[in-house]
């Protein structure tokens, strides 16, 4: 199993090269507080946040566009295709440009240093 996990990690690290991801991707909200200070977030915490920048879907950025790549690499590395799909769904919902607050990135939300 260790060997399979190593190959899965390699696959996930090279996948962004084939899908052309950029550092981040999300709707951005803006809020101006009582002191006039402007705040930005991708996760509004109350209804006073206004949409500032709407995420534009990238062509081919849904699960269908990755199915062939997932299938080929899962078979090659002897991994369950359903497992790879489940991890991608939970971690990024098939949005390749998502970056977490901790720096995890890509479809499977890996941290580059680890």
C-alpha atoms as a PDB file:
ATOM      1  CA  UNK A   1       0.000   0.000   0.000  1.00  0.00           C
ATOM      2  CA  UNK A   2       2.890   2.377   0.714  1.00  0.00           C
ATOM      3  CA  UNK A   3       4.088   2.077  -2.892  1.00  0.00           C
ATOM      4  CA  UNK A   4       0.588   2.916  -4.180  1.00  0.00           C
ATOM      5  CA  UNK A   5       0.364   5.944  -1.914  1.00  0.00           C
ATOM      6  CA  UNK A   6       3.722   7.161  -3.193  1.00  0.00           C
ATOM      7  CA  UNK A   7       2.535   6.872  -6.795  1.00  0.00           C
ATOM      8  CA  UNK A   8      -0.738   8.599  -5.980  1.00  0.00           C
ATOM      9  CA  UNK A   9       1.201  11.504  -4.506  1.00  0.00           C
ATOM     10  CA  UNK A  10       3.355  11.735  -7.644  1.00  0.00           C
ATOM     11  CA  UNK A  11       0.225  11.648  -9.814  1.00  0.00           C
ATOM     12  CA  UNK A  12      -1.426  14.416  -7.835  1.00  0.00           C
ATOM     13  CA  UNK A  13       1.675  16.574  -7.938  1.00  0.00           C
ATOM     14  CA  UNK A  14       1.987  16.320 -11.727  1.00  0.00           C
ATOM     15  CA  UNK A  15      -1.729  16.630 -12.486  1.00  0.00           C
ATOM     16  CA  UNK A  16      -1.673  20.448 -12.224  1.00  0.00           C
ATOM     17  CA  UNK A  17       0.828  20.560 -15.081  1.00  0.00           C
ATOM     18  CA  UNK A  18      -1.807  19.045 -17.343  1.00  0.00           C
ATOM     19  CA  UNK A  19      -4.759  21.155 -16.239  1.00  0.00           C
ATOM     20  CA  UNK A  20      -3.060  24.558 -16.014  1.00  0.00           C
ATOM     21  CA  UNK A  21      -4.013  25.619 -12.511  1.00  0.00           C
ATOM     22  CA  UNK A  22      -3.331  28.971 -10.933  1.00  0.00           C
ATOM     23  CA  UNK A  23      -2.800  29.772  -7.243  1.00  0.00           C
ATOM     24  CA  UNK A  24      -6.369  30.451  -6.094  1.00  0.00           C
ATOM     25  CA  UNK A  25      -9.943  30.428  -7.235  1.00  0.00           C
ATOM     26  CA  UNK A  26     -13.077  31.519  -5.352  1.00  0.00           C
ATOM     27  CA  UNK A  27     -15.823  34.103  -5.102  1.00  0.00           C
ATOM     28  CA  UNK A  28     -14.606  37.189  -3.243  1.00  0.00           C
ATOM     29  CA  UNK A  29     -16.841  39.197  -0.904  1.00  0.00           C
ATOM     30  CA  UNK A  30     -16.298  42.732   0.422  1.00  0.00           C
ATOM     31  CA  UNK A  31     -17.472  44.403   3.608  1.00  0.00           C
ATOM     32  CA  UNK A  32     -16.888  47.977   4.817  1.00  0.00           C
ATOM     33  CA  UNK A  33     -17.055  48.243   8.609  1.00  0.00           C
ATOM     34  CA  UNK A  34     -18.271  51.201  10.713  1.00  0.00           C
ATOM     35  CA  UNK A  35     -14.768  52.724  10.663  1.00  0.00           C
ATOM     36  CA  UNK A  36     -14.589  52.612   6.870  1.00  0.00           C
ATOM     37  CA  UNK A  37     -12.107  49.746   6.830  1.00  0.00           C
ATOM     38  CA  UNK A  38     -12.601  47.444   3.835  1.00  0.00           C
ATOM     39  CA  UNK A  39     -12.462  43.678   4.446  1.00  0.00           C
ATOM     40  CA  UNK A  40     -12.303  40.899   1.848  1.00  0.00           C
ATOM     41  CA  UNK A  41     -13.063  37.191   2.229  1.00  0.00           C
ATOM     42  CA  UNK A  42     -14.071  34.113   0.297  1.00  0.00           C
ATOM     43  CA  UNK A  43     -16.288  32.935   3.177  1.00  0.00           C
ATOM     44  CA  UNK A  44     -18.723  35.631   4.342  1.00  0.00           C
ATOM     45  CA  UNK A  45     -19.749  35.323   7.985  1.00  0.00           C
ATOM     46  CA  UNK A  46     -22.794  37.609   7.948  1.00  0.00           C
ATOM     47  CA  UNK A  47     -25.249  39.137   5.469  1.00  0.00           C
ATOM     48  CA  UNK A  48     -23.463  42.508   5.260  1.00  0.00           C
ATOM     49  CA  UNK A  49     -20.848  41.069   2.874  1.00  0.00           C
ATOM     50  CA  UNK A  50     -21.363  42.032  -0.787  1.00  0.00           C
ATOM     51  CA  UNK A  51     -20.197  40.048  -3.801  1.00  0.00           C
ATOM     52  CA  UNK A  52     -17.019  41.736  -5.031  1.00  0.00           C
ATOM     53  CA  UNK A  53     -15.675  39.239  -7.570  1.00  0.00           C
ATOM     54  CA  UNK A  54     -17.580  36.241  -8.907  1.00  0.00           C
ATOM     55  CA  UNK A  55     -15.623  33.109  -9.728  1.00  0.00           C
ATOM     56  CA  UNK A  56     -15.685  32.444 -13.457  1.00  0.00           C
ATOM     57  CA  UNK A  57     -15.852  28.745 -14.250  1.00  0.00           C
ATOM     58  CA  UNK A  58     -12.866  27.490 -16.186  1.00  0.00           C
ATOM     59  CA  UNK A  59     -13.702  25.477 -19.279  1.00  0.00           C
ATOM     60  CA  UNK A  60     -13.379  21.789 -18.496  1.00  0.00           C
ATOM     61  CA  UNK A  61     -12.955  22.318 -14.763  1.00  0.00           C
ATOM     62  CA  UNK A  62     -15.598  19.827 -13.677  1.00  0.00           C
ATOM     63  CA  UNK A  63     -15.357  16.176 -12.769  1.00  0.00           C
ATOM     64  CA  UNK A  64     -16.102  14.956 -16.309  1.00  0.00           C
ATOM     65  CA  UNK A  65     -12.918  16.523 -17.677  1.00  0.00           C
ATOM     66  CA  UNK A  66     -10.795  14.615 -15.148  1.00  0.00           C
ATOM     67  CA  UNK A  67     -12.427  11.187 -15.399  1.00  0.00           C
ATOM     68  CA  UNK A  68     -10.103   9.834 -18.077  1.00  0.00           C
ATOM     69  CA  UNK A  69      -6.981  11.090 -16.273  1.00  0.00           C
ATOM     70  CA  UNK A  70      -8.207   9.680 -12.951  1.00  0.00           C
ATOM     71  CA  UNK A  71      -9.114   6.339 -14.539  1.00  0.00           C
ATOM     72  CA  UNK A  72      -5.753   5.933 -16.320  1.00  0.00           C
ATOM     73  CA  UNK A  73      -3.616   6.855 -13.332  1.00  0.00           C
ATOM     74  CA  UNK A  74      -5.692   4.933 -10.797  1.00  0.00           C
ATOM     75  CA  UNK A  75      -5.343   1.809 -12.950  1.00  0.00           C
ATOM     76  CA  UNK A  76      -1.632   2.396 -13.525  1.00  0.00           C
ATOM     77  CA  UNK A  77      -0.902   2.862  -9.810  1.00  0.00           C
ATOM     78  CA  UNK A  78      -3.334   0.095  -8.792  1.00  0.00           C
ATOM     79  CA  UNK A  79      -5.582   2.415  -6.815  1.00  0.00           C
ATOM     80  CA  UNK A  80      -9.338   2.315  -6.557  1.00  0.00           C
ATOM     81  CA  UNK A  81     -10.749   4.880  -8.978  1.00  0.00           C
ATOM     82  CA  UNK A  82     -13.597   5.559  -6.547  1.00  0.00           C
ATOM     83  CA  UNK A  83     -11.108   6.404  -3.780  1.00  0.00           C
ATOM     84  CA  UNK A  84      -9.292   8.967  -5.927  1.00  0.00           C
ATOM     85  CA  UNK A  85     -12.628  10.504  -7.011  1.00  0.00           C
ATOM     86  CA  UNK A  86     -13.863  10.629  -3.417  1.00  0.00           C
ATOM     87  CA  UNK A  87     -10.726  12.399  -2.187  1.00  0.00           C
ATOM     88  CA  UNK A  88     -10.941  14.951  -5.012  1.00  0.00           C
ATOM     89  CA  UNK A  89     -14.666  15.539  -4.386  1.00  0.00           C
ATOM     90  CA  UNK A  90     -14.215  16.065  -0.647  1.00  0.00           C
ATOM     91  CA  UNK A  91     -11.019  18.108  -0.819  1.00  0.00           C
ATOM     92  CA  UNK A  92     -11.697  20.459  -3.754  1.00  0.00           C
ATOM     93  CA  UNK A  93     -15.040  19.551  -5.337  1.00  0.00           C
ATOM     94  CA  UNK A  94     -13.113  19.204  -8.620  1.00  0.00           C
ATOM     95  CA  UNK A  95     -11.945  22.838  -8.524  1.00  0.00           C
ATOM     96  CA  UNK A  96      -8.237  22.632  -9.399  1.00  0.00           C
ATOM     97  CA  UNK A  97      -7.339  26.177  -8.394  1.00  0.00           C
ATOM     98  CA  UNK A  98      -8.541  25.998  -4.789  1.00  0.00           C
ATOM     99  CA  UNK A  99      -5.950  26.918  -2.162  1.00  0.00           C
ATOM    100  CA  UNK A 100      -6.725  26.446   1.529  1.00  0.00           C
ATOM    101  CA  UNK A 101      -5.819  28.867   4.316  1.00  0.00           C
ATOM    102  CA  UNK A 102      -3.030  26.442   5.282  1.00  0.00           C
ATOM    103  CA  UNK A 103      -1.599  26.401   1.727  1.00  0.00           C
ATOM    104  CA  UNK A 104      -2.990  23.068   0.560  1.00  0.00           C
ATOM    105  CA  UNK A 105      -3.665  23.232  -3.149  1.00  0.00           C
ATOM    106  CA  UNK A 106      -4.934  21.405  -6.186  1.00  0.00           C
ATOM    107  CA  UNK A 107      -7.603  18.798  -6.646  1.00  0.00           C
ATOM    108  CA  UNK A 108      -6.502  16.723  -3.661  1.00  0.00           C
ATOM    109  CA  UNK A 109      -5.462  19.698  -1.496  1.00  0.00           C
ATOM    110  CA  UNK A 110      -1.869  18.701  -0.856  1.00  0.00           C
ATOM    111  CA  UNK A 111       0.618  20.927   0.932  1.00  0.00           C
ATOM    112  CA  UNK A 112       3.649  21.359  -1.357  1.00  0.00           C
ATOM    113  CA  UNK A 113       6.270  21.113   1.411  1.00  0.00           C
ATOM    114  CA  UNK A 114       5.054  17.720   2.637  1.00  0.00           C
END
